[in-house]
Amino acid sequence: MYNESMAQAGQKKYDLEERTAKFGEEVIKLCKKLPKTDITKHLISQIVCSSTSIGANYMEANGGSSIKDFRNKIHIVKKECGETKHHLRMIAAAVPDKKSEIIPIWQECHELVLIFQKIAQSMKSVK
C-alpha cells in the first residue's frame, strides 16, 4: 500500500533506503575526520544520531502497519533531516577547515528534506 503511493510520487522504495543509508555513512566518515574537542564531541554525537535516524525511520515507515503510522514516521524523518542540517552548519562553524567537505553533505541533506517534504505533502490527501 505505501510503496504504491511512493511509486506514484516517482520514488522507488529501495532507492531512498539506499540513499538514506549512504547519507548516514557519509556523515559517519566525516565525523571520523573531525578533531575531538569539547565542542565537536557533542556535535558529533548529535549528528551521528540524527543522520542515521533518517534511514532507520524511513525503513520503519515502509514497514508501517497503517497509513497513519507511515505518515508519522515520514514526519520524524523530516525532523531528523532538519536537525542534521543544523548540526552540519554548527560543525562547519566549529571546524571551518572542513567546510568544503561539509557542503556536499549539507546539500544532500537539503535534497532529502525536499524529498520527504514532498512525500509528507502527498500523504495529506491519503486517508
PDB file of N, CA and C in Angstrom:
ATOM      1  N   MET A   1       0.835  -1.191   0.000  1.00  0.00           N
ATOM      2  CA  MET A   1       0.000   0.000   0.000  1.00  0.00           C
ATOM      3  C   MET A   1       0.878   1.252   0.000  1.00  0.00           C
ATOM      4  N   TYR A   2       1.854   1.334   0.898  1.00  0.00           N
ATOM      5  CA  TYR A   2       2.667   2.541   0.998  1.00  0.00           C
ATOM      6  C   TYR A   2       3.631   2.644  -0.177  1.00  0.00           C
ATOM      7  N   ASN A   3       4.134   1.499  -0.634  1.00  0.00           N
ATOM      8  CA  ASN A   3       5.054   1.519  -1.765  1.00  0.00           C
ATOM      9  C   ASN A   3       4.351   1.995  -3.023  1.00  0.00           C
ATOM     10  N   GLU A   4       3.052   1.717  -3.131  1.00  0.00           N
ATOM     11  CA  GLU A   4       2.286   2.213  -4.274  1.00  0.00           C
ATOM     12  C   GLU A   4       2.248   3.731  -4.258  1.00  0.00           C
ATOM     13  N   SER A   5       2.002   4.321  -3.104  1.00  0.00           N
ATOM     14  CA  SER A   5       1.965   5.781  -3.039  1.00  0.00           C
ATOM     15  C   SER A   5       3.347   6.363  -3.307  1.00  0.00           C
ATOM     16  N   MET A   6       4.391   5.651  -2.902  1.00  0.00           N
ATOM     17  CA  MET A   6       5.751   6.103  -3.190  1.00  0.00           C
ATOM     18  C   MET A   6       5.999   6.050  -4.690  1.00  0.00           C
ATOM     19  N   ALA A   7       5.563   4.971  -5.342  1.00  0.00           N
ATOM     20  CA  ALA A   7       5.767   4.830  -6.779  1.00  0.00           C
ATOM     21  C   ALA A   7       5.007   5.923  -7.526  1.00  0.00           C
ATOM     22  N   GLN A   8       3.822   6.273  -7.025  1.00  0.00           N
ATOM     23  CA  GLN A   8       3.051   7.336  -7.652  1.00  0.00           C
ATOM     24  C   GLN A   8       3.793   8.664  -7.577  1.00  0.00           C
ATOM     25  N   ALA A   9       4.562   8.855  -6.541  1.00  0.00           N
ATOM     26  CA  ALA A   9       5.334  10.089  -6.381  1.00  0.00           C
ATOM     27  C   ALA A   9       6.651  10.021  -7.161  1.00  0.00           C
ATOM     28  N   GLY A  10       6.836   8.915  -7.926  1.00  0.00           N
ATOM     29  CA  GLY A  10       8.038   8.777  -8.730  1.00  0.00           C
ATOM     30  C   GLY A  10       9.247   8.299  -7.947  1.00  0.00           C
ATOM     31  N   GLN A  11       9.037   7.752  -6.767  1.00  0.00           N
ATOM     32  CA  GLN A  11      10.135   7.276  -5.932  1.00  0.00           C
ATOM     33  C   GLN A  11      10.077   5.756  -5.839  1.00  0.00           C
ATOM     34  N   LYS A  12      11.236   5.132  -5.800  1.00  0.00           N
ATOM     35  CA  LYS A  12      11.324   3.699  -5.576  1.00  0.00           C
ATOM     36  C   LYS A  12      11.760   3.479  -4.146  1.00  0.00           C
ATOM     37  N   LYS A  13      11.127   2.538  -3.491  1.00  0.00           N
ATOM     38  CA  LYS A  13      11.404   2.272  -2.087  1.00  0.00           C
ATOM     39  C   LYS A  13      12.892   2.053  -1.836  1.00  0.00           C
ATOM     40  N   TYR A  14      13.522   1.200  -2.597  1.00  0.00           N
ATOM     41  CA  TYR A  14      14.894   0.841  -2.314  1.00  0.00           C
ATOM     42  C   TYR A  14      15.878   1.947  -2.668  1.00  0.00           C
ATOM     43  N   ASP A  15      15.536   2.800  -3.612  1.00  0.00           N
ATOM     44  CA  ASP A  15      16.411   3.918  -3.934  1.00  0.00           C
ATOM     45  C   ASP A  15      16.570   4.834  -2.718  1.00  0.00           C
ATOM     46  N   LEU A  16      15.475   5.178  -2.079  1.00  0.00           N
ATOM     47  CA  LEU A  16      15.553   6.055  -0.906  1.00  0.00           C
ATOM     48  C   LEU A  16      16.161   5.340   0.293  1.00  0.00           C
ATOM     49  N   GLU A  17      15.894   4.063   0.429  1.00  0.00           N
ATOM     50  CA  GLU A  17      16.524   3.325   1.525  1.00  0.00           C
ATOM     51  C   GLU A  17      18.034   3.341   1.361  1.00  0.00           C
ATOM     52  N   GLU A  18      18.499   3.093   0.151  1.00  0.00           N
ATOM     53  CA  GLU A  18      19.936   3.104  -0.114  1.00  0.00           C
ATOM     54  C   GLU A  18      20.506   4.511   0.035  1.00  0.00           C
ATOM     55  N   ARG A  19      19.801   5.484  -0.479  1.00  0.00           N
ATOM     56  CA  ARG A  19      20.276   6.868  -0.425  1.00  0.00           C
ATOM     57  C   ARG A  19      20.397   7.357   1.013  1.00  0.00           C
ATOM     58  N   THR A  20      19.406   7.047   1.844  1.00  0.00           N
ATOM     59  CA  THR A  20      19.469   7.486   3.239  1.00  0.00           C
ATOM     60  C   THR A  20      20.553   6.734   4.007  1.00  0.00           C
ATOM     61  N   ALA A  21      20.769   5.463   3.654  1.00  0.00           N
ATOM     62  CA  ALA A  21      21.850   4.702   4.302  1.00  0.00           C
ATOM     63  C   ALA A  21      23.209   5.280   3.919  1.00  0.00           C
ATOM     64  N   LYS A  22      23.392   5.573   2.639  1.00  0.00           N
ATOM     65  CA  LYS A  22      24.665   6.158   2.186  1.00  0.00           C
ATOM     66  C   LYS A  22      24.888   7.527   2.821  1.00  0.00           C
ATOM     67  N   PHE A  23      23.819   8.281   2.985  1.00  0.00           N
ATOM     68  CA  PHE A  23      23.936   9.584   3.624  1.00  0.00           C
ATOM     69  C   PHE A  23      24.466   9.417   5.052  1.00  0.00           C
ATOM     70  N   GLY A  24      23.885   8.508   5.815  1.00  0.00           N
ATOM     71  CA  GLY A  24      24.356   8.253   7.174  1.00  0.00           C
ATOM     72  C   GLY A  24      25.819   7.834   7.187  1.00  0.00           C
ATOM     73  N   GLU A  25      26.201   7.000   6.227  1.00  0.00           N
ATOM     74  CA  GLU A  25      27.593   6.557   6.133  1.00  0.00           C
ATOM     75  C   GLU A  25      28.537   7.735   5.860  1.00  0.00           C
ATOM     76  N   GLU A  26      28.111   8.651   4.987  1.00  0.00           N
ATOM     77  CA  GLU A  26      28.951   9.815   4.670  1.00  0.00           C
ATOM     78  C   GLU A  26      29.133  10.708   5.896  1.00  0.00           C
ATOM     79  N   VAL A  27      28.087  10.850   6.679  1.00  0.00           N
ATOM     80  CA  VAL A  27      28.200  11.652   7.903  1.00  0.00           C
ATOM     81  C   VAL A  27      29.164  10.979   8.882  1.00  0.00           C
ATOM     82  N   ILE A  28      29.064   9.675   9.004  1.00  0.00           N
ATOM     83  CA  ILE A  28      29.979   8.945   9.891  1.00  0.00           C
ATOM     84  C   ILE A  28      31.425   9.128   9.433  1.00  0.00           C
ATOM     85  N   LYS A  29      31.663   9.006   8.118  1.00  0.00           N
ATOM     86  CA  LYS A  29      33.026   9.199   7.586  1.00  0.00           C
ATOM     87  C   LYS A  29      33.538  10.606   7.899  1.00  0.00           C
ATOM     88  N   LEU A  30      32.680  11.605   7.730  1.00  0.00           N
ATOM     89  CA  LEU A  30      33.066  12.977   8.049  1.00  0.00           C
ATOM     90  C   LEU A  30      33.431  13.090   9.525  1.00  0.00           C
ATOM     91  N   CYS A  31      32.590  12.547  10.383  1.00  0.00           N
ATOM     92  CA  CYS A  31      32.810  12.669  11.829  1.00  0.00           C
ATOM     93  C   CYS A  31      34.110  12.005  12.275  1.00  0.00           C
ATOM     94  N   LYS A  32      34.495  10.941  11.608  1.00  0.00           N
ATOM     95  CA  LYS A  32      35.760  10.279  11.942  1.00  0.00           C
ATOM     96  C   LYS A  32      36.964  11.172  11.665  1.00  0.00           C
ATOM     97  N   LYS A  33      36.810  12.124  10.738  1.00  0.00           N
ATOM     98  CA  LYS A  33      37.906  13.020  10.361  1.00  0.00           C
ATOM     99  C   LYS A  33      37.975  14.274  11.235  1.00  0.00           C
ATOM    100  N   LEU A  34      36.937  14.520  12.013  1.00  0.00           N
ATOM    101  CA  LEU A  34      36.883  15.761  12.791  1.00  0.00           C
ATOM    102  C   LEU A  34      37.770  15.676  14.025  1.00  0.00           C
ATOM    103  N   PRO A  35      38.383  16.796  14.405  1.00  0.00           N
ATOM    104  CA  PRO A  35      39.151  16.807  15.654  1.00  0.00           C
ATOM    105  C   PRO A  35      38.194  16.624  16.832  1.00  0.00           C
ATOM    106  N   LYS A  36      38.665  15.954  17.844  1.00  0.00           N
ATOM    107  CA  LYS A  36      37.828  15.700  19.018  1.00  0.00           C
ATOM    108  C   LYS A  36      38.111  16.759  20.082  1.00  0.00           C
ATOM    109  N   THR A  37      37.230  17.761  20.132  1.00  0.00           N
ATOM    110  CA  THR A  37      37.326  18.819  21.136  1.00  0.00           C
ATOM    111  C   THR A  37      36.061  18.769  21.984  1.00  0.00           C
ATOM    112  N   ASP A  38      36.008  19.601  23.010  1.00  0.00           N
ATOM    113  CA  ASP A  38      34.800  19.650  23.841  1.00  0.00           C
ATOM    114  C   ASP A  38      33.576  20.009  22.997  1.00  0.00           C
ATOM    115  N   ILE A  39      33.757  20.889  22.042  1.00  0.00           N
ATOM    116  CA  ILE A  39      32.633  21.313  21.193  1.00  0.00           C
ATOM    117  C   ILE A  39      32.265  20.234  20.190  1.00  0.00           C
ATOM    118  N   THR A  40      33.257  19.712  19.478  1.00  0.00           N
ATOM    119  CA  THR A  40      32.939  18.758  18.411  1.00  0.00           C
ATOM    120  C   THR A  40      32.444  17.420  18.944  1.00  0.00           C
ATOM    121  N   LYS A  41      32.886  17.008  20.105  1.00  0.00           N
ATOM    122  CA  LYS A  41      32.409  15.727  20.657  1.00  0.00           C
ATOM    123  C   LYS A  41      30.886  15.732  20.765  1.00  0.00           C
ATOM    124  N   HIS A  42      30.349  16.810  21.278  1.00  0.00           N
ATOM    125  CA  HIS A  42      28.891  16.915  21.423  1.00  0.00           C
ATOM    126  C   HIS A  42      28.211  16.937  20.054  1.00  0.00           C
ATOM    127  N   LEU A  43      28.737  17.746  19.143  1.00  0.00           N
ATOM    128  CA  LEU A  43      28.142  17.849  17.812  1.00  0.00           C
ATOM    129  C   LEU A  43      28.214  16.527  17.064  1.00  0.00           C
ATOM    130  N   ILE A  44      29.326  15.823  17.194  1.00  0.00           N
ATOM    131  CA  ILE A  44      29.483  14.523  16.534  1.00  0.00           C
ATOM    132  C   ILE A  44      28.437  13.546  17.049  1.00  0.00           C
ATOM    133  N   SER A  45      28.286  13.503  18.346  1.00  0.00           N
ATOM    134  CA  SER A  45      27.288  12.606  18.937  1.00  0.00           C
ATOM    135  C   SER A  45      25.883  12.917  18.412  1.00  0.00           C
ATOM    136  N   GLN A  46      25.551  14.189  18.388  1.00  0.00           N
ATOM    137  CA  GLN A  46      24.228  14.619  17.929  1.00  0.00           C
ATOM    138  C   GLN A  46      23.999  14.279  16.463  1.00  0.00           C
ATOM    139  N   ILE A  47      24.977  14.583  15.617  1.00  0.00           N
ATOM    140  CA  ILE A  47      24.776  14.409  14.177  1.00  0.00           C
ATOM    141  C   ILE A  47      24.784  12.934  13.770  1.00  0.00           C
ATOM    142  N   VAL A  48      25.561  12.127  14.449  1.00  0.00           N
ATOM    143  CA  VAL A  48      25.537  10.696  14.132  1.00  0.00           C
ATOM    144  C   VAL A  48      24.147  10.132  14.444  1.00  0.00           C
ATOM    145  N   CYS A  49      23.583  10.550  15.558  1.00  0.00           N
ATOM    146  CA  CYS A  49      22.235  10.083  15.908  1.00  0.00           C
ATOM    147  C   CYS A  49      21.193  10.546  14.900  1.00  0.00           C
ATOM    148  N   SER A  50      21.175  11.829  14.602  1.00  0.00           N
ATOM    149  CA  SER A  50      20.133  12.351  13.717  1.00  0.00           C
ATOM    150  C   SER A  50      20.302  11.860  12.279  1.00  0.00           C
ATOM    151  N   SER A  51      21.524  11.808  11.781  1.00  0.00           N
ATOM    152  CA  SER A  51      21.720  11.412  10.378  1.00  0.00           C
ATOM    153  C   SER A  51      21.436   9.937  10.141  1.00  0.00           C
ATOM    154  N   THR A  52      21.761   9.098  11.097  1.00  0.00           N
ATOM    155  CA  THR A  52      21.474   7.673  10.916  1.00  0.00           C
ATOM    156  C   THR A  52      20.013   7.350  11.208  1.00  0.00           C
ATOM    157  N   SER A  53      19.355   8.216  11.955  1.00  0.00           N
ATOM    158  CA  SER A  53      17.922   8.028  12.211  1.00  0.00           C
ATOM    159  C   SER A  53      17.079   8.270  10.964  1.00  0.00           C
ATOM    160  N   ILE A  54      17.597   9.041  10.025  1.00  0.00           N
ATOM    161  CA  ILE A  54      16.854   9.322   8.797  1.00  0.00           C
ATOM    162  C   ILE A  54      16.529   8.003   8.087  1.00  0.00           C
ATOM    163  N   GLY A  55      17.547   7.222   7.818  1.00  0.00           N
ATOM    164  CA  GLY A  55      17.346   5.952   7.129  1.00  0.00           C
ATOM    165  C   GLY A  55      16.569   4.945   7.959  1.00  0.00           C
ATOM    166  N   ALA A  56      16.872   4.889   9.248  1.00  0.00           N
ATOM    167  CA  ALA A  56      16.180   3.933  10.113  1.00  0.00           C
ATOM    168  C   ALA A  56      14.681   4.229  10.177  1.00  0.00           C
ATOM    169  N   ASN A  57      14.336   5.497  10.325  1.00  0.00           N
ATOM    170  CA  ASN A  57      12.923   5.854  10.392  1.00  0.00           C
ATOM    171  C   ASN A  57      12.227   5.711   9.044  1.00  0.00           C
ATOM    172  N   TYR A  58      12.953   5.928   7.963  1.00  0.00           N
ATOM    173  CA  TYR A  58      12.366   5.707   6.641  1.00  0.00           C
ATOM    174  C   TYR A  58      12.057   4.229   6.450  1.00  0.00           C
ATOM    175  N   MET A  59      12.953   3.369   6.880  1.00  0.00           N
ATOM    176  CA  MET A  59      12.692   1.929   6.780  1.00  0.00           C
ATOM    177  C   MET A  59      11.508   1.530   7.657  1.00  0.00           C
ATOM    178  N   GLU A  60      11.411   2.127   8.828  1.00  0.00           N
ATOM    179  CA  GLU A  60      10.258   1.857   9.690  1.00  0.00           C
ATOM    180  C   GLU A  60       8.969   2.327   9.028  1.00  0.00           C
ATOM    181  N   ALA A  61       9.021   3.465   8.350  1.00  0.00           N
ATOM    182  CA  ALA A  61       7.841   3.976   7.648  1.00  0.00           C
ATOM    183  C   ALA A  61       7.386   2.979   6.597  1.00  0.00           C
ATOM    184  N   ASN A  62       8.323   2.433   5.856  1.00  0.00           N
ATOM    185  CA  ASN A  62       7.973   1.461   4.821  1.00  0.00           C
ATOM    186  C   ASN A  62       7.377   0.188   5.400  1.00  0.00           C
ATOM    187  N   GLY A  63       7.725  -0.137   6.613  1.00  0.00           N
ATOM    188  CA  GLY A  63       7.174  -1.313   7.274  1.00  0.00           C
ATOM    189  C   GLY A  63       5.985  -0.980   8.155  1.00  0.00           C
ATOM    190  N   GLY A  64       5.492   0.245   8.041  1.00  0.00           N
ATOM    191  CA  GLY A  64       4.399   0.705   8.900  1.00  0.00           C
ATOM    192  C   GLY A  64       3.145  -0.143   8.774  1.00  0.00           C
ATOM    193  N   SER A  65       2.398  -0.189   9.845  1.00  0.00           N
ATOM    194  CA  SER A  65       1.196  -1.023   9.880  1.00  0.00           C
ATOM    195  C   SER A  65      -0.039  -0.296   9.358  1.00  0.00           C
ATOM    196  N   SER A  66       0.068   1.002   9.120  1.00  0.00           N
ATOM    197  CA  SER A  66      -1.076   1.762   8.630  1.00  0.00           C
ATOM    198  C   SER A  66      -0.579   3.025   7.924  1.00  0.00           C
ATOM    199  N   ILE A  67      -1.475   3.672   7.247  1.00  0.00           N
ATOM    200  CA  ILE A  67      -1.138   4.940   6.592  1.00  0.00           C
ATOM    201  C   ILE A  67      -0.738   5.967   7.645  1.00  0.00           C
ATOM    202  N   LYS A  68      -1.456   5.973   8.758  1.00  0.00           N
ATOM    203  CA  LYS A  68      -1.140   6.915   9.836  1.00  0.00           C
ATOM    204  C   LYS A  68       0.271   6.668  10.370  1.00  0.00           C
ATOM    205  N   ASP A  69       0.628   5.416  10.534  1.00  0.00           N
ATOM    206  CA  ASP A  69       1.966   5.064  11.005  1.00  0.00           C
ATOM    207  C   ASP A  69       3.020   5.527   9.998  1.00  0.00           C
ATOM    208  N   PHE A  70       2.776   5.278   8.709  1.00  0.00           N
ATOM    209  CA  PHE A  70       3.696   5.723   7.653  1.00  0.00           C
ATOM    210  C   PHE A  70       3.871   7.234   7.700  1.00  0.00           C
ATOM    211  N   ARG A  71       2.757   7.945   7.760  1.00  0.00           N
ATOM    212  CA  ARG A  71       2.777   9.413   7.779  1.00  0.00           C
ATOM    213  C   ARG A  71       3.574   9.928   8.978  1.00  0.00           C
ATOM    214  N   ASN A  72       3.344   9.347  10.148  1.00  0.00           N
ATOM    215  CA  ASN A  72       4.058   9.772  11.355  1.00  0.00           C
ATOM    216  C   ASN A  72       5.560   9.560  11.232  1.00  0.00           C
ATOM    217  N   LYS A  73       5.964   8.424  10.690  1.00  0.00           N
ATOM    218  CA  LYS A  73       7.396   8.135  10.534  1.00  0.00           C
ATOM    219  C   LYS A  73       8.030   9.085   9.522  1.00  0.00           C
ATOM    220  N   ILE A  74       7.318   9.414   8.464  1.00  0.00           N
ATOM    221  CA  ILE A  74       7.852  10.352   7.469  1.00  0.00           C
ATOM    222  C   ILE A  74       8.069  11.727   8.113  1.00  0.00           C
ATOM    223  N   HIS A  75       7.179  12.120   8.992  1.00  0.00           N
ATOM    224  CA  HIS A  75       7.363  13.401   9.697  1.00  0.00           C
ATOM    225  C   HIS A  75       8.599  13.343  10.600  1.00  0.00           C
ATOM    226  N   ILE A  76       8.843  12.198  11.201  1.00  0.00           N
ATOM    227  CA  ILE A  76      10.049  12.039  12.018  1.00  0.00           C
ATOM    228  C   ILE A  76      11.288  12.134  11.131  1.00  0.00           C
ATOM    229  N   VAL A  77      11.234  11.507   9.953  1.00  0.00           N
ATOM    230  CA  VAL A  77      12.349  11.570   9.014  1.00  0.00           C
ATOM    231  C   VAL A  77      12.642  13.029   8.640  1.00  0.00           C
ATOM    232  N   LYS A  78      11.600  13.782   8.336  1.00  0.00           N
ATOM    233  CA  LYS A  78      11.766  15.206   8.002  1.00  0.00           C
ATOM    234  C   LYS A  78      12.438  15.959   9.147  1.00  0.00           C
ATOM    235  N   LYS A  79      11.989  15.684  10.345  1.00  0.00           N
ATOM    236  CA  LYS A  79      12.541  16.347  11.532  1.00  0.00           C
ATOM    237  C   LYS A  79      14.026  16.005  11.712  1.00  0.00           C
ATOM    238  N   GLU A  80      14.372  14.747  11.529  1.00  0.00           N
ATOM    239  CA  GLU A  80      15.774  14.325  11.664  1.00  0.00           C
ATOM    240  C   GLU A  80      16.643  14.954  10.582  1.00  0.00           C
ATOM    241  N   CYS A  81      16.102  15.106   9.374  1.00  0.00           N
ATOM    242  CA  CYS A  81      16.837  15.783   8.294  1.00  0.00           C
ATOM    243  C   CYS A  81      17.132  17.232   8.681  1.00  0.00           C
ATOM    244  N   GLY A  82      16.132  17.917   9.207  1.00  0.00           N
ATOM    245  CA  GLY A  82      16.326  19.308   9.624  1.00  0.00           C
ATOM    246  C   GLY A  82      17.352  19.428  10.732  1.00  0.00           C
ATOM    247  N   GLU A  83      17.289  18.516  11.689  1.00  0.00           N
ATOM    248  CA  GLU A  83      18.251  18.527  12.784  1.00  0.00           C
ATOM    249  C   GLU A  83      19.669  18.277  12.259  1.00  0.00           C
ATOM    250  N   THR A  84      19.788  17.367  11.318  1.00  0.00           N
ATOM    251  CA  THR A  84      21.096  17.054  10.735  1.00  0.00           C
ATOM    252  C   THR A  84      21.661  18.260   9.992  1.00  0.00           C
ATOM    253  N   LYS A  85      20.810  18.953   9.225  1.00  0.00           N
ATOM    254  CA  LYS A  85      21.262  20.162   8.530  1.00  0.00           C
ATOM    255  C   LYS A  85      21.805  21.183   9.534  1.00  0.00           C
ATOM    256  N   HIS A  86      21.108  21.347  10.634  1.00  0.00           N
ATOM    257  CA  HIS A  86      21.539  22.292  11.664  1.00  0.00           C
ATOM    258  C   HIS A  86      22.908  21.896  12.220  1.00  0.00           C
ATOM    259  N   HIS A  87      23.072  20.625  12.542  1.00  0.00           N
ATOM    260  CA  HIS A  87      24.344  20.180  13.119  1.00  0.00           C
ATOM    261  C   HIS A  87      25.482  20.292  12.109  1.00  0.00           C
ATOM    262  N   LEU A  88      25.203  20.070  10.824  1.00  0.00           N
ATOM    263  CA  LEU A  88      26.235  20.262   9.809  1.00  0.00           C
ATOM    264  C   LEU A  88      26.699  21.719   9.788  1.00  0.00           C
ATOM    265  N   ARG A  89      25.756  22.625   9.907  1.00  0.00           N
ATOM    266  CA  ARG A  89      26.107  24.048   9.947  1.00  0.00           C
ATOM    267  C   ARG A  89      26.970  24.359  11.172  1.00  0.00           C
ATOM    268  N   MET A  90      26.621  23.787  12.318  1.00  0.00           N
ATOM    269  CA  MET A  90      27.384  24.041  13.539  1.00  0.00           C
ATOM    270  C   MET A  90      28.781  23.439  13.441  1.00  0.00           C
ATOM    271  N   ILE A  91      28.899  22.273  12.821  1.00  0.00           N
ATOM    272  CA  ILE A  91      30.223  21.661  12.649  1.00  0.00           C
ATOM    273  C   ILE A  91      31.076  22.524  11.725  1.00  0.00           C
ATOM    274  N   ALA A  92      30.463  23.054  10.665  1.00  0.00           N
ATOM    275  CA  ALA A  92      31.200  23.946   9.762  1.00  0.00           C
ATOM    276  C   ALA A  92      31.707  25.174  10.513  1.00  0.00           C
ATOM    277  N   ALA A  93      30.922  25.661  11.464  1.00  0.00           N
ATOM    278  CA  ALA A  93      31.357  26.814  12.266  1.00  0.00           C
ATOM    279  C   ALA A  93      32.466  26.423  13.240  1.00  0.00           C
ATOM    280  N   ALA A  94      32.376  25.221  13.783  1.00  0.00           N
ATOM    281  CA  ALA A  94      33.359  24.772  14.769  1.00  0.00           C
ATOM    282  C   ALA A  94      34.680  24.341  14.132  1.00  0.00           C
ATOM    283  N   VAL A  95      34.577  23.817  12.903  1.00  0.00           N
ATOM    284  CA  VAL A  95      35.771  23.318  12.214  1.00  0.00           C
ATOM    285  C   VAL A  95      35.772  23.874  10.785  1.00  0.00           C
ATOM    286  N   PRO A  96      36.086  25.159  10.639  1.00  0.00           N
ATOM    287  CA  PRO A  96      35.989  25.820   9.330  1.00  0.00           C
ATOM    288  C   PRO A  96      36.803  25.165   8.213  1.00  0.00           C
ATOM    289  N   ASP A  97      37.910  24.520   8.555  1.00  0.00           N
ATOM    290  CA  ASP A  97      38.723  23.908   7.506  1.00  0.00           C
ATOM    291  C   ASP A  97      38.075  22.663   6.898  1.00  0.00           C
ATOM    292  N   LYS A  98      36.982  22.181   7.461  1.00  0.00           N
ATOM    293  CA  LYS A  98      36.250  21.030   6.913  1.00  0.00           C
ATOM    294  C   LYS A  98      35.022  21.474   6.115  1.00  0.00           C
ATOM    295  N   LYS A  99      34.842  22.776   5.980  1.00  0.00           N
ATOM    296  CA  LYS A  99      33.643  23.294   5.315  1.00  0.00           C
ATOM    297  C   LYS A  99      33.473  22.749   3.899  1.00  0.00           C
ATOM    298  N   SER A 100      34.562  22.619   3.154  1.00  0.00           N
ATOM    299  CA  SER A 100      34.451  22.118   1.782  1.00  0.00           C
ATOM    300  C   SER A 100      33.956  20.667   1.743  1.00  0.00           C
ATOM    301  N   GLU A 101      34.243  19.892   2.775  1.00  0.00           N
ATOM    302  CA  GLU A 101      33.740  18.512   2.865  1.00  0.00           C
ATOM    303  C   GLU A 101      32.291  18.487   3.353  1.00  0.00           C
ATOM    304  N   ILE A 102      31.919  19.474   4.125  1.00  0.00           N
ATOM    305  CA  ILE A 102      30.575  19.522   4.708  1.00  0.00           C
ATOM    306  C   ILE A 102      29.542  19.972   3.682  1.00  0.00           C
ATOM    307  N   ILE A 103      29.908  20.888   2.810  1.00  0.00           N
ATOM    308  CA  ILE A 103      28.938  21.462   1.860  1.00  0.00           C
ATOM    309  C   ILE A 103      28.198  20.403   1.037  1.00  0.00           C
ATOM    310  N   PRO A 104      28.886  19.432   0.403  1.00  0.00           N
ATOM    311  CA  PRO A 104      28.122  18.448  -0.375  1.00  0.00           C
ATOM    312  C   PRO A 104      27.220  17.564   0.495  1.00  0.00           C
ATOM    313  N   ILE A 105      27.632  17.312   1.718  1.00  0.00           N
ATOM    314  CA  ILE A 105      26.792  16.517   2.632  1.00  0.00           C
ATOM    315  C   ILE A 105      25.564  17.331   3.018  1.00  0.00           C
ATOM    316  N   TRP A 106      25.763  18.624   3.287  1.00  0.00           N
ATOM    317  CA  TRP A 106      24.637  19.507   3.601  1.00  0.00           C
ATOM    318  C   TRP A 106      23.680  19.567   2.415  1.00  0.00           C
ATOM    319  N   GLN A 107      24.211  19.654   1.197  1.00  0.00           N
ATOM    320  CA  GLN A 107      23.367  19.713   0.003  1.00  0.00           C
ATOM    321  C   GLN A 107      22.541  18.442  -0.153  1.00  0.00           C
ATOM    322  N   GLU A 108      23.157  17.289   0.099  1.00  0.00           N
ATOM    323  CA  GLU A 108      22.412  16.028   0.030  1.00  0.00           C
ATOM    324  C   GLU A 108      21.317  16.010   1.100  1.00  0.00           C
ATOM    325  N   CYS A 109      21.635  16.497   2.281  1.00  0.00           N
ATOM    326  CA  CYS A 109      20.641  16.557   3.347  1.00  0.00           C
ATOM    327  C   CYS A 109      19.487  17.459   2.946  1.00  0.00           C
ATOM    328  N   HIS A 110      19.792  18.590   2.339  1.00  0.00           N
ATOM    329  CA  HIS A 110      18.755  19.510   1.882  1.00  0.00           C
ATOM    330  C   HIS A 110      17.851  18.824   0.843  1.00  0.00           C
ATOM    331  N   GLU A 111      18.445  18.077  -0.069  1.00  0.00           N
ATOM    332  CA  GLU A 111      17.648  17.343  -1.057  1.00  0.00           C
ATOM    333  C   GLU A 111      16.751  16.318  -0.383  1.00  0.00           C
ATOM    334  N   LEU A 112      17.273  15.640   0.628  1.00  0.00           N
ATOM    335  CA  LEU A 112      16.451  14.677   1.364  1.00  0.00           C
ATOM    336  C   LEU A 112      15.283  15.374   2.059  1.00  0.00           C
ATOM    337  N   VAL A 113      15.539  16.546   2.624  1.00  0.00           N
ATOM    338  CA  VAL A 113      14.454  17.323   3.237  1.00  0.00           C
ATOM    339  C   VAL A 113      13.357  17.580   2.206  1.00  0.00           C
ATOM    340  N   LEU A 114      13.747  18.037   1.032  1.00  0.00           N
ATOM    341  CA  LEU A 114      12.762  18.339  -0.015  1.00  0.00           C
ATOM    342  C   LEU A 114      11.989  17.101  -0.444  1.00  0.00           C
ATOM    343  N   ILE A 115      12.680  15.979  -0.565  1.00  0.00           N
ATOM    344  CA  ILE A 115      12.021  14.716  -0.946  1.00  0.00           C
ATOM    345  C   ILE A 115      10.990  14.320   0.109  1.00  0.00           C
ATOM    346  N   PHE A 116      11.402  14.349   1.365  1.00  0.00           N
ATOM    347  CA  PHE A 116      10.488  13.908   2.418  1.00  0.00           C
ATOM    348  C   PHE A 116       9.365  14.916   2.668  1.00  0.00           C
ATOM    349  N   GLN A 117       9.609  16.181   2.406  1.00  0.00           N
ATOM    350  CA  GLN A 117       8.518  17.164   2.463  1.00  0.00           C
ATOM    351  C   GLN A 117       7.473  16.843   1.400  1.00  0.00           C
ATOM    352  N   LYS A 118       7.940  16.498   0.208  1.00  0.00           N
ATOM    353  CA  LYS A 118       7.032  16.154  -0.886  1.00  0.00           C
ATOM    354  C   LYS A 118       6.226  14.903  -0.551  1.00  0.00           C
ATOM    355  N   ILE A 119       6.890  13.906   0.001  1.00  0.00           N
ATOM    356  CA  ILE A 119       6.177  12.693   0.395  1.00  0.00           C
ATOM    357  C   ILE A 119       5.135  13.015   1.463  1.00  0.00           C
ATOM    358  N   ALA A 120       5.519  13.809   2.446  1.00  0.00           N
ATOM    359  CA  ALA A 120       4.591  14.182   3.523  1.00  0.00           C
ATOM    360  C   ALA A 120       3.395  14.948   2.959  1.00  0.00           C
ATOM    361  N   GLN A 121       3.660  15.861   2.036  1.00  0.00           N
ATOM    362  CA  GLN A 121       2.568  16.625   1.423  1.00  0.00           C
ATOM    363  C   GLN A 121       1.625  15.714   0.640  1.00  0.00           C
ATOM    364  N   SER A 122       2.199  14.764  -0.083  1.00  0.00           N
ATOM    365  CA  SER A 122       1.354  13.868  -0.869  1.00  0.00           C
ATOM    366  C   SER A 122       0.539  12.930   0.038  1.00  0.00           C
ATOM    367  N   MET A 123       1.030  12.702   1.252  1.00  0.00           N
ATOM    368  CA  MET A 123       0.293  11.828   2.176  1.00  0.00           C
ATOM    369  C   MET A 123      -0.875  12.531   2.842  1.00  0.00           C
ATOM    370  N   LYS A 124      -0.908  13.860   2.793  1.00  0.00           N
ATOM    371  CA  LYS A 124      -2.014  14.600   3.412  1.00  0.00           C
ATOM    372  C   LYS A 124      -3.349  14.252   2.783  1.00  0.00           C
ATOM    373  N   SER A 125      -3.323  13.957   1.489  1.00  0.00           N
ATOM    374  CA  SER A 125      -4.561  13.659   0.791  1.00  0.00           C
ATOM    375  C   SER A 125      -4.978  12.187   0.914  1.00  0.00           C
ATOM    376  N   VAL A 126      -4.079  11.351   1.431  1.00  0.00           N
ATOM    377  CA  VAL A 126      -4.377   9.921   1.598  1.00  0.00           C
ATOM    378  C   VAL A 126      -5.046   9.715   2.946  1.00  0.00           C
ATOM    379  N   LYS A 127      -6.156   9.058   2.932  1.00  0.00           N
ATOM    380  CA  LYS A 127      -6.881   8.803   4.192  1.00  0.00           C
ATOM    381  C   LYS A 127      -6.618   7.404   4.693  1.00  0.00           C
TER     382      LYS A 127
END
